Amino acid sequence: MLFLDEPTSALDPAAIKGVEAAVREFHQRGTRIVMTTHDLHQARRLAGDVLFLSGGKVCEHTSAETFFNSPVSREGQAFIAGELME
């Protein structure tokens, strides 16, 4: 199992591409990956499942496709829309 916490923060686009390629390769070889990110585009590219946390609680745990296309929680909907929650 590989745990990654914002692995591409502050990297240039070429380095991000390299990290994402490595993550995909590890996944294809059977490594389970848990990754935190605030980057919606990166999450769309890499995620299979989404565990969405807001305010210290789990608001959603679903497939990436479901989360990005139709989140069910108010917090998830606001995040996808780019709105700030209080």
PDB file of N, CA and C in Angstrom:
ATOM      1  N   MET A   1       0.849  -1.159   0.000  1.00  0.00           N
ATOM      2  CA  MET A   1       0.000   0.000   0.000  1.00  0.00           C
ATOM      3  C   MET A   1       0.900   1.229   0.000  1.00  0.00           C
ATOM      4  N   LEU A   2       0.530   2.201  -0.820  1.00  0.00           N
ATOM      5  CA  LEU A   2       1.282   3.446  -0.947  1.00  0.00           C
ATOM      6  C   LEU A   2       0.389   4.602  -0.511  1.00  0.00           C
ATOM      7  N   PHE A   3       0.844   5.372   0.461  1.00  0.00           N
ATOM      8  CA  PHE A   3       0.122   6.549   0.931  1.00  0.00           C
ATOM      9  C   PHE A   3       0.822   7.791   0.394  1.00  0.00           C
ATOM     10  N   LEU A   4       0.057   8.673  -0.258  1.00  0.00           N
ATOM     11  CA  LEU A   4       0.601   9.902  -0.834  1.00  0.00           C
ATOM     12  C   LEU A   4      -0.207  11.095  -0.332  1.00  0.00           C
ATOM     13  N   ASP A   5       0.474  12.099   0.181  1.00  0.00           N
ATOM     14  CA  ASP A   5      -0.190  13.299   0.678  1.00  0.00           C
ATOM     15  C   ASP A   5       0.224  14.473  -0.204  1.00  0.00           C
ATOM     16  N   GLU A   6      -0.672  14.883  -1.083  1.00  0.00           N
ATOM     17  CA  GLU A   6      -0.409  15.984  -2.012  1.00  0.00           C
ATOM     18  C   GLU A   6       0.944  15.805  -2.702  1.00  0.00           C
ATOM     19  N   PRO A   7       1.165  14.702  -3.399  1.00  0.00           N
ATOM     20  CA  PRO A   7       2.493  14.388  -3.937  1.00  0.00           C
ATOM     21  C   PRO A   7       2.991  15.334  -5.028  1.00  0.00           C
ATOM     22  N   THR A   8       2.102  16.142  -5.593  1.00  0.00           N
ATOM     23  CA  THR A   8       2.542  17.007  -6.688  1.00  0.00           C
ATOM     24  C   THR A   8       2.426  18.495  -6.361  1.00  0.00           C
ATOM     25  N   SER A   9       2.183  18.811  -5.089  1.00  0.00           N
ATOM     26  CA  SER A   9       2.062  20.233  -4.750  1.00  0.00           C
ATOM     27  C   SER A   9       3.383  20.939  -5.018  1.00  0.00           C
ATOM     28  N   ALA A  10       3.302  22.097  -5.611  1.00  0.00           N
ATOM     29  CA  ALA A  10       4.453  22.953  -5.920  1.00  0.00           C
ATOM     30  C   ALA A  10       5.381  22.378  -6.986  1.00  0.00           C
ATOM     31  N   LEU A  11       4.907  21.417  -7.769  1.00  0.00           N
ATOM     32  CA  LEU A  11       5.722  20.887  -8.865  1.00  0.00           C
ATOM     33  C   LEU A  11       5.318  21.536 -10.187  1.00  0.00           C
ATOM     34  N   ASP A  12       6.260  21.576 -11.118  1.00  0.00           N
ATOM     35  CA  ASP A  12       5.948  22.101 -12.445  1.00  0.00           C
ATOM     36  C   ASP A  12       5.185  21.019 -13.230  1.00  0.00           C
ATOM     37  N   PRO A  13       4.517  21.410 -14.322  1.00  0.00           N
ATOM     38  CA  PRO A  13       3.695  20.459 -15.074  1.00  0.00           C
ATOM     39  C   PRO A  13       4.433  19.202 -15.533  1.00  0.00           C
ATOM     40  N   ALA A  14       5.683  19.312 -15.939  1.00  0.00           N
ATOM     41  CA  ALA A  14       6.425  18.125 -16.380  1.00  0.00           C
ATOM     42  C   ALA A  14       6.644  17.157 -15.225  1.00  0.00           C
ATOM     43  N   ALA A  15       6.962  17.674 -14.058  1.00  0.00           N
ATOM     44  CA  ALA A  15       7.162  16.820 -12.892  1.00  0.00           C
ATOM     45  C   ALA A  15       5.848  16.176 -12.452  1.00  0.00           C
ATOM     46  N   ILE A  16       4.758  16.925 -12.521  1.00  0.00           N
ATOM     47  CA  ILE A  16       3.439  16.374 -12.190  1.00  0.00           C
ATOM     48  C   ILE A  16       3.124  15.195 -13.107  1.00  0.00           C
ATOM     49  N   LYS A  17       3.374  15.370 -14.389  1.00  0.00           N
ATOM     50  CA  LYS A  17       3.128  14.297 -15.349  1.00  0.00           C
ATOM     51  C   LYS A  17       3.934  13.046 -14.981  1.00  0.00           C
ATOM     52  N   GLY A  18       5.179  13.223 -14.574  1.00  0.00           N
ATOM     53  CA  GLY A  18       6.020  12.098 -14.180  1.00  0.00           C
ATOM     54  C   GLY A  18       5.508  11.388 -12.940  1.00  0.00           C
ATOM     55  N   VAL A  19       5.085  12.157 -11.937  1.00  0.00           N
ATOM     56  CA  VAL A  19       4.542  11.566 -10.717  1.00  0.00           C
ATOM     57  C   VAL A  19       3.260  10.796 -11.034  1.00  0.00           C
ATOM     58  N   GLU A  20       2.372  11.387 -11.836  1.00  0.00           N
ATOM     59  CA  GLU A  20       1.129  10.713 -12.178  1.00  0.00           C
ATOM     60  C   GLU A  20       1.389   9.424 -12.959  1.00  0.00           C
ATOM     61  N   ALA A  21       2.376   9.440 -13.834  1.00  0.00           N
ATOM     62  CA  ALA A  21       2.733   8.227 -14.577  1.00  0.00           C
ATOM     63  C   ALA A  21       3.213   7.141 -13.622  1.00  0.00           C
ATOM     64  N   ALA A  22       4.007   7.523 -12.637  1.00  0.00           N
ATOM     65  CA  ALA A  22       4.488   6.557 -11.652  1.00  0.00           C
ATOM     66  C   ALA A  22       3.331   5.992 -10.828  1.00  0.00           C
ATOM     67  N   VAL A  23       2.405   6.844 -10.429  1.00  0.00           N
ATOM     68  CA  VAL A  23       1.237   6.398  -9.659  1.00  0.00           C
ATOM     69  C   VAL A  23       0.436   5.389 -10.482  1.00  0.00           C
ATOM     70  N   ARG A  24       0.208   5.693 -11.751  1.00  0.00           N
ATOM     71  CA  ARG A  24      -0.527   4.760 -12.616  1.00  0.00           C
ATOM     72  C   ARG A  24       0.200   3.424 -12.742  1.00  0.00           C
ATOM     73  N   GLU A  25       1.515   3.477 -12.893  1.00  0.00           N
ATOM     74  CA  GLU A  25       2.297   2.249 -13.037  1.00  0.00           C
ATOM     75  C   GLU A  25       2.231   1.406 -11.759  1.00  0.00           C
ATOM     76  N   PHE A  26       2.383   2.037 -10.617  1.00  0.00           N
ATOM     77  CA  PHE A  26       2.262   1.300  -9.357  1.00  0.00           C
ATOM     78  C   PHE A  26       0.889   0.647  -9.247  1.00  0.00           C
ATOM     79  N   HIS A  27      -0.139   1.398  -9.610  1.00  0.00           N
ATOM     80  CA  HIS A  27      -1.507   0.866  -9.547  1.00  0.00           C
ATOM     81  C   HIS A  27      -1.678  -0.329 -10.488  1.00  0.00           C
ATOM     82  N   GLN A  28      -1.170  -0.223 -11.693  1.00  0.00           N
ATOM     83  CA  GLN A  28      -1.273  -1.318 -12.665  1.00  0.00           C
ATOM     84  C   GLN A  28      -0.552  -2.568 -12.181  1.00  0.00           C
ATOM     85  N   ARG A  29       0.467  -2.393 -11.363  1.00  0.00           N
ATOM     86  CA  ARG A  29       1.218  -3.534 -10.822  1.00  0.00           C
ATOM     87  C   ARG A  29       0.566  -4.116  -9.569  1.00  0.00           C
ATOM     88  N   GLY A  30      -0.573  -3.549  -9.176  1.00  0.00           N
ATOM     89  CA  GLY A  30      -1.324  -4.101  -8.055  1.00  0.00           C
ATOM     90  C   GLY A  30      -1.172  -3.385  -6.733  1.00  0.00           C
ATOM     91  N   THR A  31      -0.449  -2.284  -6.711  1.00  0.00           N
ATOM     92  CA  THR A  31      -0.283  -1.529  -5.470  1.00  0.00           C
ATOM     93  C   THR A  31      -1.557  -0.764  -5.167  1.00  0.00           C
ATOM     94  N   ARG A  32      -2.040  -0.893  -3.942  1.00  0.00           N
ATOM     95  CA  ARG A  32      -3.180  -0.085  -3.502  1.00  0.00           C
ATOM     96  C   ARG A  32      -2.639   1.296  -3.148  1.00  0.00           C
ATOM     97  N   ILE A  33      -3.336   2.341  -3.586  1.00  0.00           N
ATOM     98  CA  ILE A  33      -2.860   3.707  -3.386  1.00  0.00           C
ATOM     99  C   ILE A  33      -3.935   4.531  -2.689  1.00  0.00           C
ATOM    100  N   VAL A  34      -3.531   5.225  -1.646  1.00  0.00           N
ATOM    101  CA  VAL A  34      -4.389   6.185  -0.957  1.00  0.00           C
ATOM    102  C   VAL A  34      -3.694   7.530  -1.111  1.00  0.00           C
ATOM    103  N   MET A  35      -4.388   8.469  -1.737  1.00  0.00           N
ATOM    104  CA  MET A  35      -3.768   9.755  -2.047  1.00  0.00           C
ATOM    105  C   MET A  35      -4.694  10.897  -1.666  1.00  0.00           C
ATOM    106  N   THR A  36      -4.139  11.903  -0.997  1.00  0.00           N
ATOM    107  CA  THR A  36      -4.903  13.111  -0.724  1.00  0.00           C
ATOM    108  C   THR A  36      -4.535  14.154  -1.765  1.00  0.00           C
ATOM    109  N   THR A  37      -5.544  14.908  -2.198  1.00  0.00           N
ATOM    110  CA  THR A  37      -5.307  16.006  -3.131  1.00  0.00           C
ATOM    111  C   THR A  37      -6.460  16.998  -3.057  1.00  0.00           C
ATOM    112  N   HIS A  38      -6.139  18.247  -3.301  1.00  0.00           N
ATOM    113  CA  HIS A  38      -7.152  19.284  -3.455  1.00  0.00           C
ATOM    114  C   HIS A  38      -7.336  19.612  -4.934  1.00  0.00           C
ATOM    115  N   ASP A  39      -6.573  18.963  -5.778  1.00  0.00           N
ATOM    116  CA  ASP A  39      -6.569  19.229  -7.218  1.00  0.00           C
ATOM    117  C   ASP A  39      -7.653  18.383  -7.897  1.00  0.00           C
ATOM    118  N   LEU A  40      -8.766  19.018  -8.220  1.00  0.00           N
ATOM    119  CA  LEU A  40      -9.885  18.304  -8.850  1.00  0.00           C
ATOM    120  C   LEU A  40      -9.484  17.627 -10.147  1.00  0.00           C
ATOM    121  N   HIS A  41      -8.698  18.300 -10.962  1.00  0.00           N
ATOM    122  CA  HIS A  41      -8.300  17.734 -12.246  1.00  0.00           C
ATOM    123  C   HIS A  41      -7.455  16.480 -12.043  1.00  0.00           C
ATOM    124  N   GLN A  42      -6.548  16.535 -11.100  1.00  0.00           N
ATOM    125  CA  GLN A  42      -5.714  15.372 -10.817  1.00  0.00           C
ATOM    126  C   GLN A  42      -6.558  14.221 -10.263  1.00  0.00           C
ATOM    127  N   ALA A  43      -7.476  14.529  -9.380  1.00  0.00           N
ATOM    128  CA  ALA A  43      -8.352  13.494  -8.834  1.00  0.00           C
ATOM    129  C   ALA A  43      -9.184  12.849  -9.944  1.00  0.00           C
ATOM    130  N   ARG A  44      -9.680  13.645 -10.871  1.00  0.00           N
ATOM    131  CA  ARG A  44     -10.433  13.085 -12.006  1.00  0.00           C
ATOM    132  C   ARG A  44      -9.563  12.159 -12.849  1.00  0.00           C
ATOM    133  N   ARG A  45      -8.293  12.527 -13.027  1.00  0.00           N
ATOM    134  CA  ARG A  45      -7.384  11.714 -13.842  1.00  0.00           C
ATOM    135  C   ARG A  45      -6.997  10.406 -13.166  1.00  0.00           C
ATOM    136  N   LEU A  46      -6.866  10.411 -11.853  1.00  0.00           N
ATOM    137  CA  LEU A  46      -6.266   9.269 -11.177  1.00  0.00           C
ATOM    138  C   LEU A  46      -7.213   8.427 -10.324  1.00  0.00           C
ATOM    139  N   ALA A  47      -8.279   9.000  -9.836  1.00  0.00           N
ATOM    140  CA  ALA A  47      -9.089   8.312  -8.821  1.00  0.00           C
ATOM    141  C   ALA A  47      -9.966   7.205  -9.394  1.00  0.00           C
ATOM    142  N   GLY A  48     -10.077   6.164  -8.603  1.00  0.00           N
ATOM    143  CA  GLY A  48     -11.063   5.112  -8.858  1.00  0.00           C
ATOM    144  C   GLY A  48     -12.220   5.270  -7.890  1.00  0.00           C
ATOM    145  N   ASP A  49     -11.879   5.505  -6.633  1.00  0.00           N
ATOM    146  CA  ASP A  49     -12.849   5.771  -5.573  1.00  0.00           C
ATOM    147  C   ASP A  49     -12.514   7.110  -4.955  1.00  0.00           C
ATOM    148  N   VAL A  50     -13.537   7.770  -4.413  1.00  0.00           N
ATOM    149  CA  VAL A  50     -13.340   9.051  -3.735  1.00  0.00           C
ATOM    150  C   VAL A  50     -13.898   8.941  -2.322  1.00  0.00           C
ATOM    151  N   LEU A  51     -13.087   9.328  -1.375  1.00  0.00           N
ATOM    152  CA  LEU A  51     -13.508   9.492   0.009  1.00  0.00           C
ATOM    153  C   LEU A  51     -13.391  10.989   0.259  1.00  0.00           C
ATOM    154  N   PHE A  52     -14.526  11.687   0.278  1.00  0.00           N
ATOM    155  CA  PHE A  52     -14.536  13.144   0.369  1.00  0.00           C
ATOM    156  C   PHE A  52     -14.786  13.563   1.813  1.00  0.00           C
ATOM    157  N   LEU A  53     -13.843  14.340   2.350  1.00  0.00           N
ATOM    158  CA  LEU A  53     -13.951  14.825   3.724  1.00  0.00           C
ATOM    159  C   LEU A  53     -14.155  16.330   3.728  1.00  0.00           C
ATOM    160  N   SER A  54     -14.983  16.784   4.648  1.00  0.00           N
ATOM    161  CA  SER A  54     -15.200  18.216   4.821  1.00  0.00           C
ATOM    162  C   SER A  54     -15.539  18.462   6.280  1.00  0.00           C
ATOM    163  N   GLY A  55     -14.912  19.453   6.856  1.00  0.00           N
ATOM    164  CA  GLY A  55     -15.186  19.785   8.250  1.00  0.00           C
ATOM    165  C   GLY A  55     -14.870  18.652   9.210  1.00  0.00           C
ATOM    166  N   GLY A  56     -13.889  17.838   8.868  1.00  0.00           N
ATOM    167  CA  GLY A  56     -13.484  16.750   9.742  1.00  0.00           C
ATOM    168  C   GLY A  56     -14.372  15.526   9.702  1.00  0.00           C
ATOM    169  N   LYS A  57     -15.281  15.454   8.733  1.00  0.00           N
ATOM    170  CA  LYS A  57     -16.140  14.277   8.631  1.00  0.00           C
ATOM    171  C   LYS A  57     -16.178  13.762   7.195  1.00  0.00           C
ATOM    172  N   VAL A  58     -16.448  12.474   7.071  1.00  0.00           N
ATOM    173  CA  VAL A  58     -16.591  11.864   5.749  1.00  0.00           C
ATOM    174  C   VAL A  58     -17.984  12.206   5.227  1.00  0.00           C
ATOM    175  N   CYS A  59     -18.021  12.915   4.113  1.00  0.00           N
ATOM    176  CA  CYS A  59     -19.303  13.312   3.516  1.00  0.00           C
ATOM    177  C   CYS A  59     -19.747  12.345   2.427  1.00  0.00           C
ATOM    178  N   GLU A  60     -18.772  11.755   1.734  1.00  0.00           N
ATOM    179  CA  GLU A  60     -19.099  10.810   0.662  1.00  0.00           C
ATOM    180  C   GLU A  60     -17.985   9.783   0.518  1.00  0.00           C
ATOM    181  N   HIS A  61     -18.378   8.571   0.158  1.00  0.00           N
ATOM    182  CA  HIS A  61     -17.438   7.526  -0.244  1.00  0.00           C
ATOM    183  C   HIS A  61     -18.117   6.788  -1.386  1.00  0.00           C
ATOM    184  N   THR A  62     -17.607   7.015  -2.594  1.00  0.00           N
ATOM    185  CA  THR A  62     -18.247   6.478  -3.788  1.00  0.00           C
ATOM    186  C   THR A  62     -17.227   6.365  -4.910  1.00  0.00           C
ATOM    187  N   SER A  63     -17.669   5.882  -6.047  1.00  0.00           N
ATOM    188  CA  SER A  63     -16.766   5.833  -7.206  1.00  0.00           C
ATOM    189  C   SER A  63     -16.450   7.255  -7.657  1.00  0.00           C
ATOM    190  N   ALA A  64     -15.293   7.411  -8.273  1.00  0.00           N
ATOM    191  CA  ALA A  64     -14.915   8.734  -8.778  1.00  0.00           C
ATOM    192  C   ALA A  64     -15.937   9.230  -9.791  1.00  0.00           C
ATOM    193  N   GLU A  65     -16.378   8.344 -10.658  1.00  0.00           N
ATOM    194  CA  GLU A  65     -17.354   8.741 -11.676  1.00  0.00           C
ATOM    195  C   GLU A  65     -18.618   9.308 -11.031  1.00  0.00           C
ATOM    196  N   THR A  66     -19.139   8.621 -10.024  1.00  0.00           N
ATOM    197  CA  THR A  66     -20.342   9.104  -9.337  1.00  0.00           C
ATOM    198  C   THR A  66     -20.073  10.426  -8.640  1.00  0.00           C
ATOM    199  N   PHE A  67     -18.953  10.509  -7.922  1.00  0.00           N
ATOM    200  CA  PHE A  67     -18.667  11.742  -7.190  1.00  0.00           C
ATOM    201  C   PHE A  67     -18.536  12.929  -8.122  1.00  0.00           C
ATOM    202  N   PHE A  68     -17.788  12.783  -9.207  1.00  0.00           N
ATOM    203  CA  PHE A  68     -17.558  13.932 -10.083  1.00  0.00           C
ATOM    204  C   PHE A  68     -18.764  14.276 -10.956  1.00  0.00           C
ATOM    205  N   ASN A  69     -19.646  13.317 -11.194  1.00  0.00           N
ATOM    206  CA  ASN A  69     -20.824  13.587 -12.025  1.00  0.00           C
ATOM    207  C   ASN A  69     -22.061  13.953 -11.224  1.00  0.00           C
ATOM    208  N   SER A  70     -22.208  13.407 -10.013  1.00  0.00           N
ATOM    209  CA  SER A  70     -23.415  13.699  -9.232  1.00  0.00           C
ATOM    210  C   SER A  70     -23.180  13.452  -7.748  1.00  0.00           C
ATOM    211  N   PRO A  71     -22.387  14.301  -7.111  1.00  0.00           N
ATOM    212  CA  PRO A  71     -22.168  14.141  -5.676  1.00  0.00           C
ATOM    213  C   PRO A  71     -23.490  14.286  -4.923  1.00  0.00           C
ATOM    214  N   VAL A  72     -23.654  13.522  -3.860  1.00  0.00           N
ATOM    215  CA  VAL A  72     -24.926  13.552  -3.138  1.00  0.00           C
ATOM    216  C   VAL A  72     -24.923  14.500  -1.947  1.00  0.00           C
ATOM    217  N   SER A  73     -23.758  14.751  -1.363  1.00  0.00           N
ATOM    218  CA  SER A  73     -23.730  15.640  -0.197  1.00  0.00           C
ATOM    219  C   SER A  73     -23.684  17.105  -0.643  1.00  0.00           C
ATOM    220  N   ARG A  74     -24.209  17.943   0.206  1.00  0.00           N
ATOM    221  CA  ARG A  74     -24.174  19.388  -0.057  1.00  0.00           C
ATOM    222  C   ARG A  74     -22.723  19.866  -0.164  1.00  0.00           C
ATOM    223  N   GLU A  75     -21.867  19.313   0.694  1.00  0.00           N
ATOM    224  CA  GLU A  75     -20.457  19.692   0.687  1.00  0.00           C
ATOM    225  C   GLU A  75     -19.766  19.255  -0.608  1.00  0.00           C
ATOM    226  N   GLY A  76     -20.056  18.050  -1.048  1.00  0.00           N
ATOM    227  CA  GLY A  76     -19.476  17.555  -2.295  1.00  0.00           C
ATOM    228  C   GLY A  76     -19.939  18.362  -3.490  1.00  0.00           C
ATOM    229  N   GLN A  77     -21.207  18.700  -3.523  1.00  0.00           N
ATOM    230  CA  GLN A  77     -21.753  19.513  -4.615  1.00  0.00           C
ATOM    231  C   GLN A  77     -21.078  20.873  -4.651  1.00  0.00           C
ATOM    232  N   ALA A  78     -20.897  21.484  -3.480  1.00  0.00           N
ATOM    233  CA  ALA A  78     -20.253  22.797  -3.414  1.00  0.00           C
ATOM    234  C   ALA A  78     -18.797  22.704  -3.864  1.00  0.00           C
ATOM    235  N   PHE A  79     -18.092  21.663  -3.455  1.00  0.00           N
ATOM    236  CA  PHE A  79     -16.686  21.495  -3.832  1.00  0.00           C
ATOM    237  C   PHE A  79     -16.552  21.359  -5.343  1.00  0.00           C
ATOM    238  N   ILE A  80     -17.371  20.531  -5.950  1.00  0.00           N
ATOM    239  CA  ILE A  80     -17.317  20.327  -7.402  1.00  0.00           C
ATOM    240  C   ILE A  80     -17.640  21.631  -8.134  1.00  0.00           C
ATOM    241  N   ALA A  81     -18.548  22.423  -7.578  1.00  0.00           N
ATOM    242  CA  ALA A  81     -18.937  23.696  -8.189  1.00  0.00           C
ATOM    243  C   ALA A  81     -17.912  24.795  -7.932  1.00  0.00           C
ATOM    244  N   GLY A  82     -16.899  24.537  -7.101  1.00  0.00           N
ATOM    245  CA  GLY A  82     -15.886  25.539  -6.809  1.00  0.00           C
ATOM    246  C   GLY A  82     -16.320  26.562  -5.783  1.00  0.00           C
ATOM    247  N   GLU A  83     -17.353  26.218  -5.011  1.00  0.00           N
ATOM    248  CA  GLU A  83     -17.856  27.126  -3.977  1.00  0.00           C
ATOM    249  C   GLU A  83     -17.135  26.875  -2.665  1.00  0.00           C
ATOM    250  N   LEU A  84     -17.004  27.922  -1.872  1.00  0.00           N
ATOM    251  CA  LEU A  84     -16.414  27.805  -0.541  1.00  0.00           C
ATOM    252  C   LEU A  84     -17.495  27.501   0.469  1.00  0.00           C
ATOM    253  N   MET A  85     -17.233  26.527   1.329  1.00  0.00           N
ATOM    254  CA  MET A  85     -18.174  26.187   2.401  1.00  0.00           C
ATOM    255  C   MET A  85     -17.703  26.825   3.697  1.00  0.00           C
ATOM    256  N   GLU A  86     -18.634  27.165   4.541  1.00  0.00           N
ATOM    257  CA  GLU A  86     -18.279  27.712   5.872  1.00  0.00           C
ATOM    258  C   GLU A  86     -18.230  26.600   6.870  1.00  0.00           C
TER     259      GLU A  86
END
